[in-house]
C-alpha cells in the first residue's frame, strides 16, 4: 500500500516502524533535495537525496522523495514523502 505525506522540515514521520527525520528540505536551481535521518531499531543513517530518488527502508518498504517546496532564499521547506510497503491493497 502507498501512503503520501507532505511534511515540514523538522518533522519526524514514521513509516513501517522507521522514523524519518527531515533535517533539511530545500530547492536550489530548480532541484529539490532533502537531508533525512533514517532511524529504526536496527539502524541509524543520514541520507541526502534528490526529488525522485527511491530509498530502501530498514525492515522493508521504500520511500520516494516527492516534490520539495521552499520559498526563494528560505532555509526551511516542505517535502512530499511517498511510502510503499510493497503490499498490494486488495
PDB file of N, CA and C in Angstrom:
ATOM      1  N   UNK A   1       0.838  -1.161   0.000  1.00  0.00           N
ATOM      2  CA  UNK A   1       0.000   0.000   0.000  1.00  0.00           C
ATOM      3  C   UNK A   1       0.897   1.243   0.000  1.00  0.00           C
ATOM      4  N   UNK A   2       0.446   2.271  -0.709  1.00  0.00           N
ATOM      5  CA  UNK A   2       1.184   3.526  -0.785  1.00  0.00           C
ATOM      6  C   UNK A   2       0.552   4.576   0.113  1.00  0.00           C
ATOM      7  N   UNK A   3       1.405   5.367   0.729  1.00  0.00           N
ATOM      8  CA  UNK A   3       0.955   6.437   1.601  1.00  0.00           C
ATOM      9  C   UNK A   3       1.811   7.664   1.297  1.00  0.00           C
ATOM     10  N   UNK A   4       1.165   8.798   1.010  1.00  0.00           N
ATOM     11  CA  UNK A   4       1.887  10.029   0.729  1.00  0.00           C
ATOM     12  C   UNK A   4       1.603  11.036   1.832  1.00  0.00           C
ATOM     13  N   UNK A   5       2.670  11.653   2.341  1.00  0.00           N
ATOM     14  CA  UNK A   5       2.524  12.704   3.343  1.00  0.00           C
ATOM     15  C   UNK A   5       3.358  13.909   2.933  1.00  0.00           C
ATOM     16  N   UNK A   6       2.828  15.081   3.197  1.00  0.00           N
ATOM     17  CA  UNK A   6       3.554  16.336   2.969  1.00  0.00           C
ATOM     18  C   UNK A   6       4.060  16.778   4.331  1.00  0.00           C
ATOM     19  N   UNK A   7       5.371  16.916   4.487  1.00  0.00           N
ATOM     20  CA  UNK A   7       5.936  17.224   5.801  1.00  0.00           C
ATOM     21  C   UNK A   7       6.842  18.447   5.744  1.00  0.00           C
ATOM     22  N   UNK A   8       6.909  19.128   6.867  1.00  0.00           N
ATOM     23  CA  UNK A   8       7.773  20.293   7.020  1.00  0.00           C
ATOM     24  C   UNK A   8       9.158  19.860   7.467  1.00  0.00           C
ATOM     25  N   UNK A   9      10.133  20.678   7.125  1.00  0.00           N
ATOM     26  CA  UNK A   9      11.471  20.474   7.670  1.00  0.00           C
ATOM     27  C   UNK A   9      11.356  20.469   9.184  1.00  0.00           C
ATOM     28  N   UNK A  10      12.022  19.538   9.842  1.00  0.00           N
ATOM     29  CA  UNK A  10      11.946  19.390  11.291  1.00  0.00           C
ATOM     30  C   UNK A  10      10.970  18.315  11.734  1.00  0.00           C
ATOM     31  N   UNK A  11      10.133  17.832  10.809  1.00  0.00           N
ATOM     32  CA  UNK A  11       9.174  16.765  11.131  1.00  0.00           C
ATOM     33  C   UNK A  11       9.873  15.415  11.228  1.00  0.00           C
ATOM     34  N   UNK A  12       9.211  14.461  11.909  1.00  0.00           N
ATOM     35  CA  UNK A  12       9.746  13.116  12.071  1.00  0.00           C
ATOM     36  C   UNK A  12       8.648  12.073  11.877  1.00  0.00           C
ATOM     37  N   UNK A  13       8.127  11.928  10.665  1.00  0.00           N
ATOM     38  CA  UNK A  13       7.087  10.919  10.445  1.00  0.00           C
ATOM     39  C   UNK A  13       7.654   9.503  10.536  1.00  0.00           C
ATOM     40  N   UNK A  14       6.769   8.533  10.785  1.00  0.00           N
ATOM     41  CA  UNK A  14       7.157   7.120  10.838  1.00  0.00           C
ATOM     42  C   UNK A  14       6.509   6.369   9.688  1.00  0.00           C
ATOM     43  N   UNK A  15       7.268   5.443   9.114  1.00  0.00           N
ATOM     44  CA  UNK A  15       6.795   4.614   8.014  1.00  0.00           C
ATOM     45  C   UNK A  15       7.205   3.175   8.301  1.00  0.00           C
ATOM     46  N   UNK A  16       6.229   2.306   8.546  1.00  0.00           N
ATOM     47  CA  UNK A  16       6.526   0.906   8.802  1.00  0.00           C
ATOM     48  C   UNK A  16       7.485   0.688   9.956  1.00  0.00           C
ATOM     49  N   UNK A  17       7.371   1.481  11.004  1.00  0.00           N
ATOM     50  CA  UNK A  17       8.244   1.335  12.167  1.00  0.00           C
ATOM     51  C   UNK A  17       9.588   2.023  12.026  1.00  0.00           C
ATOM     52  N   UNK A  18       9.784   2.782  10.959  1.00  0.00           N
ATOM     53  CA  UNK A  18      11.031   3.511  10.738  1.00  0.00           C
ATOM     54  C   UNK A  18      10.731   5.005  10.849  1.00  0.00           C
ATOM     55  N   UNK A  19      11.451   5.683  11.726  1.00  0.00           N
ATOM     56  CA  UNK A  19      11.272   7.128  11.882  1.00  0.00           C
ATOM     57  C   UNK A  19      12.190   7.827  10.881  1.00  0.00           C
ATOM     58  N   UNK A  20      11.618   8.809  10.172  1.00  0.00           N
ATOM     59  CA  UNK A  20      12.368   9.562   9.166  1.00  0.00           C
ATOM     60  C   UNK A  20      12.333  11.036   9.557  1.00  0.00           C
ATOM     61  N   UNK A  21      13.467  11.535  10.051  1.00  0.00           N
ATOM     62  CA  UNK A  21      13.568  12.940  10.428  1.00  0.00           C
ATOM     63  C   UNK A  21      13.972  13.773   9.226  1.00  0.00           C
ATOM     64  N   UNK A  22      13.216  14.817   8.955  1.00  0.00           N
ATOM     65  CA  UNK A  22      13.534  15.718   7.844  1.00  0.00           C
ATOM     66  C   UNK A  22      14.414  16.836   8.406  1.00  0.00           C
ATOM     67  N   UNK A  23      15.724  16.660   8.237  1.00  0.00           N
ATOM     68  CA  UNK A  23      16.690  17.601   8.783  1.00  0.00           C
ATOM     69  C   UNK A  23      16.696  18.883   7.960  1.00  0.00           C
ATOM     70  N   UNK A  24      16.662  18.735   6.641  1.00  0.00           N
ATOM     71  CA  UNK A  24      16.708  19.891   5.746  1.00  0.00           C
ATOM     72  C   UNK A  24      15.918  19.579   4.493  1.00  0.00           C
ATOM     73  N   UNK A  25      15.156  20.552   4.016  1.00  0.00           N
ATOM     74  CA  UNK A  25      14.416  20.424   2.759  1.00  0.00           C
ATOM     75  C   UNK A  25      14.563  21.752   2.026  1.00  0.00           C
ATOM     76  N   UNK A  26      15.166  21.717   0.845  1.00  0.00           N
ATOM     77  CA  UNK A  26      15.416  22.953   0.116  1.00  0.00           C
ATOM     78  C   UNK A  26      15.434  22.689  -1.380  1.00  0.00           C
ATOM     79  N   UNK A  27      15.206  23.750  -2.120  1.00  0.00           N
ATOM     80  CA  UNK A  27      15.292  23.682  -3.575  1.00  0.00           C
ATOM     81  C   UNK A  27      16.314  24.717  -4.019  1.00  0.00           C
ATOM     82  N   UNK A  28      17.215  24.277  -4.880  1.00  0.00           N
ATOM     83  CA  UNK A  28      18.240  25.187  -5.384  1.00  0.00           C
ATOM     84  C   UNK A  28      18.371  24.969  -6.877  1.00  0.00           C
ATOM     85  N   UNK A  29      18.310  26.048  -7.627  1.00  0.00           N
ATOM     86  CA  UNK A  29      18.388  25.979  -9.082  1.00  0.00           C
ATOM     87  C   UNK A  29      17.365  24.995  -9.645  1.00  0.00           C
ATOM     88  N   UNK A  30      16.181  24.960  -9.030  1.00  0.00           N
ATOM     89  CA  UNK A  30      15.102  24.109  -9.511  1.00  0.00           C
ATOM     90  C   UNK A  30      15.206  22.647  -9.123  1.00  0.00           C
ATOM     91  N   UNK A  31      16.214  22.298  -8.311  1.00  0.00           N
ATOM     92  CA  UNK A  31      16.398  20.909  -7.883  1.00  0.00           C
ATOM     93  C   UNK A  31      16.092  20.805  -6.398  1.00  0.00           C
ATOM     94  N   UNK A  32      15.093  19.955  -6.063  1.00  0.00           N
ATOM     95  CA  UNK A  32      14.742  19.730  -4.671  1.00  0.00           C
ATOM     96  C   UNK A  32      15.626  18.664  -4.059  1.00  0.00           C
ATOM     97  N   UNK A  33      16.143  18.950  -2.858  1.00  0.00           N
ATOM     98  CA  UNK A  33      16.982  17.985  -2.140  1.00  0.00           C
ATOM     99  C   UNK A  33      16.586  17.988  -0.672  1.00  0.00           C
ATOM    100  N   UNK A  34      16.774  16.838  -0.041  1.00  0.00           N
ATOM    101  CA  UNK A  34      16.480  16.714   1.386  1.00  0.00           C
ATOM    102  C   UNK A  34      17.618  15.994   2.090  1.00  0.00           C
ATOM    103  N   UNK A  35      17.780  16.322   3.352  1.00  0.00           N
ATOM    104  CA  UNK A  35      18.674  15.566   4.232  1.00  0.00           C
ATOM    105  C   UNK A  35      17.773  14.894   5.242  1.00  0.00           C
ATOM    106  N   UNK A  36      17.858  13.570   5.317  1.00  0.00           N
ATOM    107  CA  UNK A  36      17.000  12.782   6.190  1.00  0.00           C
ATOM    108  C   UNK A  36      17.829  12.007   7.199  1.00  0.00           C
ATOM    109  N   UNK A  37      17.284  11.805   8.377  1.00  0.00           N
ATOM    110  CA  UNK A  37      17.857  10.908   9.370  1.00  0.00           C
ATOM    111  C   UNK A  37      16.906   9.729   9.471  1.00  0.00           C
ATOM    112  N   UNK A  38      17.341   8.570   8.999  1.00  0.00           N
ATOM    113  CA  UNK A  38      16.522   7.354   8.963  1.00  0.00           C
ATOM    114  C   UNK A  38      16.889   6.512  10.180  1.00  0.00           C
ATOM    115  N   UNK A  39      15.896   6.247  11.052  1.00  0.00           N
ATOM    116  CA  UNK A  39      16.170   5.521  12.299  1.00  0.00           C
ATOM    117  C   UNK A  39      15.188   4.382  12.501  1.00  0.00           C
ATOM    118  N   UNK A  40      15.746   3.216  12.764  1.00  0.00           N
ATOM    119  CA  UNK A  40      14.945   2.060  13.151  1.00  0.00           C
ATOM    120  C   UNK A  40      15.645   1.414  14.344  1.00  0.00           C
ATOM    121  N   UNK A  41      15.072   0.321  14.843  1.00  0.00           N
ATOM    122  CA  UNK A  41      15.703  -0.385  15.959  1.00  0.00           C
ATOM    123  C   UNK A  41      17.052  -0.971  15.551  1.00  0.00           C
ATOM    124  N   UNK A  42      17.240  -1.256  14.256  1.00  0.00           N
ATOM    125  CA  UNK A  42      18.462  -1.899  13.772  1.00  0.00           C
ATOM    126  C   UNK A  42      19.493  -0.925  13.201  1.00  0.00           C
ATOM    127  N   UNK A  43      19.065   0.274  12.836  1.00  0.00           N
ATOM    128  CA  UNK A  43      19.947   1.126  12.044  1.00  0.00           C
ATOM    129  C   UNK A  43      19.629   2.603  12.236  1.00  0.00           C
ATOM    130  N   UNK A  44      20.662   3.428  12.088  1.00  0.00           N
ATOM    131  CA  UNK A  44      20.503   4.880  12.038  1.00  0.00           C
ATOM    132  C   UNK A  44      21.472   5.401  10.997  1.00  0.00           C
ATOM    133  N   UNK A  45      20.943   6.167  10.024  1.00  0.00           N
ATOM    134  CA  UNK A  45      21.810   6.698   8.970  1.00  0.00           C
ATOM    135  C   UNK A  45      21.281   8.036   8.473  1.00  0.00           C
ATOM    136  N   UNK A  46      22.200   8.852   7.996  1.00  0.00           N
ATOM    137  CA  UNK A  46      21.849  10.125   7.379  1.00  0.00           C
ATOM    138  C   UNK A  46      21.895   9.941   5.875  1.00  0.00           C
ATOM    139  N   UNK A  47      20.887  10.471   5.190  1.00  0.00           N
ATOM    140  CA  UNK A  47      20.765  10.326   3.743  1.00  0.00           C
ATOM    141  C   UNK A  47      20.518  11.702   3.131  1.00  0.00           C
ATOM    142  N   UNK A  48      21.222  12.007   2.058  1.00  0.00           N
ATOM    143  CA  UNK A  48      20.927  13.190   1.265  1.00  0.00           C
ATOM    144  C   UNK A  48      20.391  12.679  -0.063  1.00  0.00           C
ATOM    145  N   UNK A  49      19.187  13.133  -0.430  1.00  0.00           N
ATOM    146  CA  UNK A  49      18.524  12.606  -1.620  1.00  0.00           C
ATOM    147  C   UNK A  49      17.856  13.728  -2.402  1.00  0.00           C
ATOM    148  N   UNK A  50      17.718  13.502  -3.692  1.00  0.00           N
ATOM    149  CA  UNK A  50      17.058  14.455  -4.585  1.00  0.00           C
ATOM    150  C   UNK A  50      15.638  13.995  -4.868  1.00  0.00           C
ATOM    151  N   UNK A  51      14.833  14.943  -5.292  1.00  0.00           N
ATOM    152  CA  UNK A  51      13.468  14.637  -5.696  1.00  0.00           C
ATOM    153  C   UNK A  51      13.479  13.509  -6.727  1.00  0.00           C
ATOM    154  N   UNK A  52      12.608  12.520  -6.525  1.00  0.00           N
ATOM    155  CA  UNK A  52      12.513  11.380  -7.432  1.00  0.00           C
ATOM    156  C   UNK A  52      13.312  10.168  -6.993  1.00  0.00           C
ATOM    157  N   UNK A  53      14.254  10.329  -6.082  1.00  0.00           N
ATOM    158  CA  UNK A  53      15.042   9.187  -5.608  1.00  0.00           C
ATOM    159  C   UNK A  53      14.185   8.270  -4.747  1.00  0.00           C
ATOM    160  N   UNK A  54      14.507   6.979  -4.806  1.00  0.00           N
ATOM    161  CA  UNK A  54      13.806   5.962  -4.028  1.00  0.00           C
ATOM    162  C   UNK A  54      14.789   5.368  -3.033  1.00  0.00           C
ATOM    163  N   UNK A  55      14.423   5.375  -1.752  1.00  0.00           N
ATOM    164  CA  UNK A  55      15.275   4.839  -0.687  1.00  0.00           C
ATOM    165  C   UNK A  55      14.680   3.551  -0.154  1.00  0.00           C
ATOM    166  N   UNK A  56      15.530   2.559   0.074  1.00  0.00           N
ATOM    167  CA  UNK A  56      15.117   1.321   0.730  1.00  0.00           C
ATOM    168  C   UNK A  56      15.140   1.569   2.237  1.00  0.00           C
ATOM    169  N   UNK A  57      14.048   1.250   2.912  1.00  0.00           N
ATOM    170  CA  UNK A  57      13.986   1.432   4.354  1.00  0.00           C
ATOM    171  C   UNK A  57      14.326   0.137   5.072  1.00  0.00           C
ATOM    172  N   UNK A  58      14.978   0.235   6.245  1.00  0.00           N
ATOM    173  CA  UNK A  58      15.258  -0.970   7.019  1.00  0.00           C
ATOM    174  C   UNK A  58      13.955  -1.657   7.409  1.00  0.00           C
ATOM    175  N   UNK A  59      13.915  -2.947   7.296  1.00  0.00           N
ATOM    176  CA  UNK A  59      12.718  -3.701   7.646  1.00  0.00           C
ATOM    177  C   UNK A  59      11.736  -3.833   6.502  1.00  0.00           C
ATOM    178  N   UNK A  60      12.026  -3.232   5.361  1.00  0.00           N
ATOM    179  CA  UNK A  60      11.161  -3.364   4.192  1.00  0.00           C
ATOM    180  C   UNK A  60      10.451  -2.081   3.818  1.00  0.00           C
ATOM    181  N   UNK A  61      10.096  -2.013   2.581  1.00  0.00           N
ATOM    182  CA  UNK A  61       9.404  -0.846   2.059  1.00  0.00           C
ATOM    183  C   UNK A  61      10.370   0.150   1.446  1.00  0.00           C
ATOM    184  N   UNK A  62       9.794   1.070   0.686  1.00  0.00           N
ATOM    185  CA  UNK A  62      10.591   2.113   0.044  1.00  0.00           C
ATOM    186  C   UNK A  62       9.992   3.477   0.338  1.00  0.00           C
ATOM    187  N   UNK A  63      10.827   4.481   0.236  1.00  0.00           N
ATOM    188  CA  UNK A  63      10.408   5.855   0.426  1.00  0.00           C
ATOM    189  C   UNK A  63      10.877   6.645  -0.788  1.00  0.00           C
ATOM    190  N   UNK A  64       9.914   7.230  -1.516  1.00  0.00           N
ATOM    191  CA  UNK A  64      10.240   8.041  -2.683  1.00  0.00           C
ATOM    192  C   UNK A  64      10.167   9.511  -2.288  1.00  0.00           C
ATOM    193  N   UNK A  65      11.199  10.248  -2.687  1.00  0.00           N
ATOM    194  CA  UNK A  65      11.240  11.682  -2.402  1.00  0.00           C
ATOM    195  C   UNK A  65      10.416  12.397  -3.458  1.00  0.00           C
ATOM    196  N   UNK A  66       9.356  13.046  -3.021  1.00  0.00           N
ATOM    197  CA  UNK A  66       8.490  13.786  -3.934  1.00  0.00           C
ATOM    198  C   UNK A  66       8.946  15.223  -4.056  1.00  0.00           C
ATOM    199  N   UNK A  67       8.059  16.087  -4.547  1.00  0.00           N
ATOM    200  CA  UNK A  67       8.420  17.487  -4.734  1.00  0.00           C
ATOM    201  C   UNK A  67       8.838  18.172  -3.434  1.00  0.00           C
ATOM    202  N   UNK A  68       9.897  18.956  -3.544  1.00  0.00           N
ATOM    203  CA  UNK A  68      10.392  19.769  -2.435  1.00  0.00           C
ATOM    204  C   UNK A  68       9.996  21.210  -2.735  1.00  0.00           C
ATOM    205  N   UNK A  69       9.399  21.861  -1.752  1.00  0.00           N
ATOM    206  CA  UNK A  69       8.966  23.248  -1.942  1.00  0.00           C
ATOM    207  C   UNK A  69       9.600  24.126  -0.890  1.00  0.00           C
ATOM    208  N   UNK A  70      10.169  25.241  -1.355  1.00  0.00           N
ATOM    209  CA  UNK A  70      10.747  26.232  -0.451  1.00  0.00           C
ATOM    210  C   UNK A  70      10.683  27.578  -1.141  1.00  0.00           C
ATOM    211  N   UNK A  71      10.406  28.591  -0.363  1.00  0.00           N
ATOM    212  CA  UNK A  71      10.395  29.946  -0.904  1.00  0.00           C
ATOM    213  C   UNK A  71      11.830  30.339  -1.270  1.00  0.00           C
ATOM    214  N   UNK A  72      12.004  31.104  -2.338  1.00  0.00           N
ATOM    215  CA  UNK A  72      13.361  31.554  -2.699  1.00  0.00           C
ATOM    216  C   UNK A  72      14.032  32.253  -1.520  1.00  0.00           C
ATOM    217  N   UNK A  73      15.251  31.847  -1.237  1.00  0.00           N
ATOM    218  CA  UNK A  73      16.014  32.416  -0.134  1.00  0.00           C
ATOM    219  C   UNK A  73      15.670  31.846   1.226  1.00  0.00           C
ATOM    220  N   UNK A  74      14.653  30.987   1.298  1.00  0.00           N
ATOM    221  CA  UNK A  74      14.255  30.393   2.569  1.00  0.00           C
ATOM    222  C   UNK A  74      15.177  29.236   2.930  1.00  0.00           C
ATOM    223  N   UNK A  75      15.397  29.057   4.220  1.00  0.00           N
ATOM    224  CA  UNK A  75      16.215  27.933   4.681  1.00  0.00           C
ATOM    225  C   UNK A  75      15.349  26.779   5.177  1.00  0.00           C
ATOM    226  N   UNK A  76      14.020  26.915   5.084  1.00  0.00           N
ATOM    227  CA  UNK A  76      13.107  25.861   5.539  1.00  0.00           C
ATOM    228  C   UNK A  76      12.104  25.559   4.437  1.00  0.00           C
ATOM    229  N   UNK A  77      11.885  24.269   4.187  1.00  0.00           N
ATOM    230  CA  UNK A  77      10.948  23.885   3.143  1.00  0.00           C
ATOM    231  C   UNK A  77      10.076  22.726   3.570  1.00  0.00           C
ATOM    232  N   UNK A  78       9.310  22.219   2.603  1.00  0.00           N
ATOM    233  CA  UNK A  78       8.465  21.054   2.814  1.00  0.00           C
ATOM    234  C   UNK A  78       8.778  20.036   1.726  1.00  0.00           C
ATOM    235  N   UNK A  79       8.456  18.784   2.002  1.00  0.00           N
ATOM    236  CA  UNK A  79       8.697  17.716   1.031  1.00  0.00           C
ATOM    237  C   UNK A  79       7.554  16.708   1.099  1.00  0.00           C
ATOM    238  N   UNK A  80       7.206  16.164  -0.047  1.00  0.00           N
ATOM    239  CA  UNK A  80       6.238  15.067  -0.110  1.00  0.00           C
ATOM    240  C   UNK A  80       7.032  13.761  -0.045  1.00  0.00           C
ATOM    241  N   UNK A  81       6.666  12.889   0.870  1.00  0.00           N
ATOM    242  CA  UNK A  81       7.308  11.578   1.010  1.00  0.00           C
ATOM    243  C   UNK A  81       6.270  10.508   0.687  1.00  0.00           C
ATOM    244  N   UNK A  82       6.648   9.574  -0.189  1.00  0.00           N
ATOM    245  CA  UNK A  82       5.729   8.514  -0.612  1.00  0.00           C
ATOM    246  C   UNK A  82       6.281   7.179  -0.108  1.00  0.00           C
ATOM    247  N   UNK A  83       5.569   6.573   0.846  1.00  0.00           N
ATOM    248  CA  UNK A  83       5.976   5.286   1.409  1.00  0.00           C
ATOM    249  C   UNK A  83       5.210   4.180   0.695  1.00  0.00           C
ATOM    250  N   UNK A  84       5.908   3.149   0.282  1.00  0.00           N
ATOM    251  CA  UNK A  84       5.294   1.961  -0.321  1.00  0.00           C
ATOM    252  C   UNK A  84       5.789   0.766   0.472  1.00  0.00           C
ATOM    253  N   UNK A  85       4.861   0.063   1.126  1.00  0.00           N
ATOM    254  CA  UNK A  85       5.263  -1.083   1.954  1.00  0.00           C
ATOM    255  C   UNK A  85       5.410  -2.369   1.142  1.00  0.00           C
ATOM    256  N   UNK A  86       5.145  -2.295  -0.158  1.00  0.00           N
ATOM    257  CA  UNK A  86       5.296  -3.469  -1.017  1.00  0.00           C
ATOM    258  C   UNK A  86       4.091  -4.386  -1.023  1.00  0.00           C
ATOM    259  N   UNK A  87       3.092  -4.074  -0.226  1.00  0.00           N
ATOM    260  CA  UNK A  87       1.874  -4.885  -0.160  1.00  0.00           C
ATOM    261  C   UNK A  87       0.837  -4.300  -1.099  1.00  0.00           C
ATOM    262  N   UNK A  88       0.187  -5.136  -1.869  1.00  0.00           N
ATOM    263  CA  UNK A  88      -0.902  -4.679  -2.725  1.00  0.00           C
ATOM    264  C   UNK A  88      -2.149  -4.508  -1.885  1.00  0.00           C
ATOM    265  N   UNK A  89      -2.854  -3.413  -2.119  1.00  0.00           N
ATOM    266  CA  UNK A  89      -4.143  -3.219  -1.442  1.00  0.00           C
ATOM    267  C   UNK A  89      -5.184  -4.080  -2.153  1.00  0.00           C
ATOM    268  N   UNK A  90      -5.729  -5.040  -1.483  1.00  0.00           N
ATOM    269  CA  UNK A  90      -6.721  -5.947  -2.086  1.00  0.00           C
ATOM    270  C   UNK A  90      -8.006  -5.895  -1.329  1.00  0.00           C
TER     271      UNK A  90
END
